[in-house]
Amino acid sequence: MAEEKAVSTATKPQMRGLLNSSIKRNLYVSLVFAGIVGFAFKQFIGTERKKRYAEFYRTYDAEKEFEEMKKKGLFQSC
């Protein structure tokens, strides 16, 4: 009699170390996610901001700004 079993055996649940393995997995996922987001922030925001500051100070004339503020009456001592 060659009868096949219709019921499969279920795997035993992990009872010991479940919290530790869950924390370990979540830690790895969060570190990878933080690294990706940090790199993306640096590339898309930091680099663009550096370019804008460089452009601003390349064309900035402090004397001209001072004279404009002086004409508007923003200084009490001048």
N, C-alpha and C. Protein backbone atom coordinates (compact mmCIF):
# COMPACT_ATOMS: atom_id res chain seq x y z
N MET A 1 0.83 -1.18 0.00
CA MET A 1 0.00 0.00 0.00
C MET A 1 0.87 1.24 0.00
N ALA A 2 0.81 1.92 -1.06
CA ALA A 2 1.60 3.13 -1.19
C ALA A 2 0.67 4.32 -1.14
N GLU A 3 0.31 4.71 0.05
CA GLU A 3 -0.57 5.88 0.19
C GLU A 3 0.30 7.13 0.39
N GLU A 4 -0.09 8.18 -0.27
CA GLU A 4 0.63 9.44 -0.09
C GLU A 4 -0.06 10.27 0.97
N LYS A 5 0.75 10.99 1.71
CA LYS A 5 0.17 11.86 2.73
C LYS A 5 -0.39 13.11 2.08
N ALA A 6 -1.60 13.45 2.39
CA ALA A 6 -2.23 14.65 1.85
C ALA A 6 -1.94 15.86 2.72
N VAL A 7 -1.54 15.61 3.94
CA VAL A 7 -1.28 16.70 4.88
C VAL A 7 0.24 16.91 4.96
N SER A 8 0.66 18.15 4.74
CA SER A 8 2.08 18.44 4.85
C SER A 8 2.39 18.87 6.28
N THR A 9 3.59 18.66 6.69
CA THR A 9 3.98 19.05 8.05
C THR A 9 4.33 20.53 8.04
N ALA A 10 3.81 21.24 9.03
CA ALA A 10 4.08 22.66 9.15
C ALA A 10 5.41 22.87 9.86
N THR A 11 6.09 23.94 9.49
CA THR A 11 7.35 24.24 10.15
C THR A 11 7.06 24.79 11.53
N LYS A 12 7.95 24.51 12.45
CA LYS A 12 7.76 24.97 13.82
C LYS A 12 8.05 26.48 13.88
N PRO A 13 7.29 27.21 14.66
CA PRO A 13 7.55 28.65 14.79
C PRO A 13 8.83 28.89 15.59
N GLN A 14 9.48 29.97 15.28
CA GLN A 14 10.70 30.33 16.00
C GLN A 14 10.28 30.95 17.33
N MET A 15 10.62 30.33 18.41
CA MET A 15 10.20 30.81 19.72
C MET A 15 11.32 31.57 20.44
N ARG A 16 12.54 31.12 20.27
CA ARG A 16 13.65 31.78 20.95
C ARG A 16 14.39 32.70 19.97
N GLY A 17 14.73 33.90 20.45
CA GLY A 17 15.50 34.82 19.63
C GLY A 17 14.71 35.53 18.55
N LEU A 18 13.38 35.48 18.63
CA LEU A 18 12.57 36.12 17.60
C LEU A 18 12.74 37.64 17.63
N LEU A 19 12.74 38.22 18.82
CA LEU A 19 12.92 39.67 18.94
C LEU A 19 14.30 40.09 18.46
N ASN A 20 15.32 39.34 18.83
CA ASN A 20 16.69 39.68 18.40
C ASN A 20 16.83 39.63 16.89
N SER A 21 16.28 38.60 16.26
CA SER A 21 16.40 38.51 14.81
C SER A 21 15.59 39.60 14.12
N SER A 22 14.45 39.95 14.70
CA SER A 22 13.63 41.03 14.13
C SER A 22 14.35 42.37 14.25
N ILE A 23 14.95 42.63 15.40
CA ILE A 23 15.69 43.88 15.60
C ILE A 23 16.88 43.95 14.65
N LYS A 24 17.58 42.85 14.50
CA LYS A 24 18.74 42.81 13.62
C LYS A 24 18.34 43.12 12.17
N ARG A 25 17.28 42.51 11.71
CA ARG A 25 16.81 42.73 10.35
C ARG A 25 16.36 44.19 10.17
N ASN A 26 15.60 44.72 11.14
CA ASN A 26 15.15 46.10 11.05
C ASN A 26 16.31 47.09 11.10
N LEU A 27 17.34 46.76 11.85
CA LEU A 27 18.52 47.62 11.93
C LEU A 27 19.23 47.69 10.59
N TYR A 28 19.42 46.54 9.95
CA TYR A 28 20.06 46.52 8.64
C TYR A 28 19.25 47.30 7.61
N VAL A 29 17.95 47.09 7.61
CA VAL A 29 17.09 47.78 6.64
C VAL A 29 17.13 49.29 6.88
N SER A 30 17.06 49.70 8.15
CA SER A 30 17.07 51.13 8.44
C SER A 30 18.41 51.78 8.10
N LEU A 31 19.52 51.08 8.31
CA LEU A 31 20.83 51.63 7.96
C LEU A 31 20.98 51.80 6.45
N VAL A 32 20.52 50.82 5.71
CA VAL A 32 20.59 50.91 4.25
C VAL A 32 19.71 52.06 3.76
N PHE A 33 18.50 52.15 4.30
CA PHE A 33 17.58 53.21 3.90
C PHE A 33 18.15 54.59 4.25
N ALA A 34 18.72 54.73 5.44
CA ALA A 34 19.31 56.01 5.85
C ALA A 34 20.48 56.38 4.96
N GLY A 35 21.28 55.40 4.57
CA GLY A 35 22.40 55.68 3.67
C GLY A 35 21.94 56.15 2.31
N ILE A 36 20.91 55.50 1.78
CA ILE A 36 20.38 55.89 0.46
C ILE A 36 19.80 57.29 0.52
N VAL A 37 19.01 57.57 1.56
CA VAL A 37 18.40 58.90 1.68
C VAL A 37 19.46 59.97 1.90
N GLY A 38 20.48 59.68 2.71
CA GLY A 38 21.56 60.65 2.93
C GLY A 38 22.32 60.96 1.66
N PHE A 39 22.62 59.94 0.89
CA PHE A 39 23.33 60.14 -0.38
C PHE A 39 22.48 60.95 -1.35
N ALA A 40 21.18 60.62 -1.44
CA ALA A 40 20.29 61.34 -2.34
C ALA A 40 20.16 62.80 -1.91
N PHE A 41 20.07 63.06 -0.61
CA PHE A 41 19.96 64.43 -0.11
C PHE A 41 21.21 65.22 -0.47
N LYS A 42 22.37 64.60 -0.29
CA LYS A 42 23.62 65.28 -0.61
C LYS A 42 23.69 65.61 -2.10
N GLN A 43 23.31 64.68 -2.94
CA GLN A 43 23.41 64.89 -4.38
C GLN A 43 22.41 65.93 -4.88
N PHE A 44 21.15 65.80 -4.47
CA PHE A 44 20.12 66.65 -5.05
C PHE A 44 19.97 67.99 -4.35
N ILE A 45 20.26 68.08 -3.07
CA ILE A 45 20.06 69.33 -2.35
C ILE A 45 21.39 70.01 -2.04
N GLY A 46 22.33 69.26 -1.47
CA GLY A 46 23.61 69.85 -1.07
C GLY A 46 24.41 70.39 -2.23
N THR A 47 24.52 69.61 -3.29
CA THR A 47 25.31 70.04 -4.44
C THR A 47 24.67 71.24 -5.12
N GLU A 48 23.36 71.22 -5.25
CA GLU A 48 22.65 72.35 -5.87
C GLU A 48 22.81 73.61 -5.03
N ARG A 49 22.75 73.46 -3.72
CA ARG A 49 22.92 74.62 -2.84
C ARG A 49 24.33 75.19 -2.95
N LYS A 50 25.34 74.33 -3.03
CA LYS A 50 26.71 74.80 -3.20
C LYS A 50 26.87 75.58 -4.49
N LYS A 51 26.24 75.10 -5.56
CA LYS A 51 26.32 75.81 -6.84
C LYS A 51 25.68 77.18 -6.75
N ARG A 52 24.54 77.25 -6.08
CA ARG A 52 23.85 78.55 -5.95
C ARG A 52 24.68 79.54 -5.13
N TYR A 53 25.26 79.07 -4.02
CA TYR A 53 26.11 79.95 -3.21
C TYR A 53 27.32 80.42 -4.01
N ALA A 54 27.95 79.53 -4.74
CA ALA A 54 29.12 79.90 -5.54
C ALA A 54 28.75 80.94 -6.58
N GLU A 55 27.61 80.76 -7.24
CA GLU A 55 27.17 81.72 -8.25
C GLU A 55 26.86 83.08 -7.62
N PHE A 56 26.21 83.07 -6.45
CA PHE A 56 25.87 84.32 -5.77
C PHE A 56 27.13 85.10 -5.42
N TYR A 57 28.10 84.43 -4.81
CA TYR A 57 29.30 85.14 -4.38
C TYR A 57 30.24 85.45 -5.53
N ARG A 58 30.10 84.80 -6.66
CA ARG A 58 30.91 85.13 -7.83
C ARG A 58 30.46 86.48 -8.40
N THR A 59 29.17 86.78 -8.31
CA THR A 59 28.64 88.02 -8.89
C THR A 59 28.30 89.06 -7.82
N TYR A 60 28.65 88.82 -6.56
CA TYR A 60 28.27 89.71 -5.47
C TYR A 60 29.22 90.90 -5.37
N ASP A 61 28.63 92.09 -5.25
CA ASP A 61 29.42 93.31 -5.08
C ASP A 61 28.98 93.96 -3.78
N ALA A 62 29.83 93.89 -2.76
CA ALA A 62 29.48 94.38 -1.43
C ALA A 62 29.31 95.90 -1.42
N GLU A 63 30.14 96.62 -2.15
CA GLU A 63 30.04 98.09 -2.18
C GLU A 63 28.71 98.53 -2.80
N LYS A 64 28.32 97.87 -3.86
CA LYS A 64 27.06 98.19 -4.52
C LYS A 64 25.88 97.93 -3.58
N GLU A 65 25.91 96.82 -2.87
CA GLU A 65 24.85 96.50 -1.90
C GLU A 65 24.81 97.56 -0.80
N PHE A 66 25.98 97.95 -0.30
CA PHE A 66 26.05 98.95 0.76
C PHE A 66 25.46 100.27 0.30
N GLU A 67 25.79 100.69 -0.91
CA GLU A 67 25.26 101.96 -1.41
C GLU A 67 23.74 101.91 -1.59
N GLU A 68 23.22 100.78 -2.04
CA GLU A 68 21.77 100.65 -2.20
C GLU A 68 21.06 100.72 -0.85
N MET A 69 21.61 100.05 0.16
CA MET A 69 21.00 100.09 1.49
C MET A 69 21.11 101.48 2.09
N LYS A 70 22.19 102.15 1.80
CA LYS A 70 22.39 103.51 2.32
C LYS A 70 21.37 104.47 1.70
N LYS A 71 21.10 104.29 0.38
CA LYS A 71 20.11 105.13 -0.30
C LYS A 71 18.71 104.90 0.25
N LYS A 72 18.43 103.67 0.66
CA LYS A 72 17.10 103.34 1.18
C LYS A 72 16.92 103.83 2.61
N GLY A 73 18.00 104.23 3.27
CA GLY A 73 17.93 104.74 4.64
C GLY A 73 17.85 103.64 5.68
N LEU A 74 18.49 102.53 5.43
CA LEU A 74 18.43 101.41 6.37
C LEU A 74 19.45 101.57 7.51
N PHE A 75 20.40 102.45 7.36
CA PHE A 75 21.44 102.63 8.40
C PHE A 75 21.16 103.93 9.16
N GLN A 76 21.25 103.85 10.47
CA GLN A 76 21.04 105.04 11.29
C GLN A 76 22.33 105.85 11.42
N SER A 77 23.47 105.20 11.32
CA SER A 77 24.74 105.89 11.55
C SER A 77 25.32 106.50 10.27
N CYS A 78 24.82 106.18 9.11
CA CYS A 78 25.39 106.69 7.87
C CYS A 78 24.56 107.84 7.33
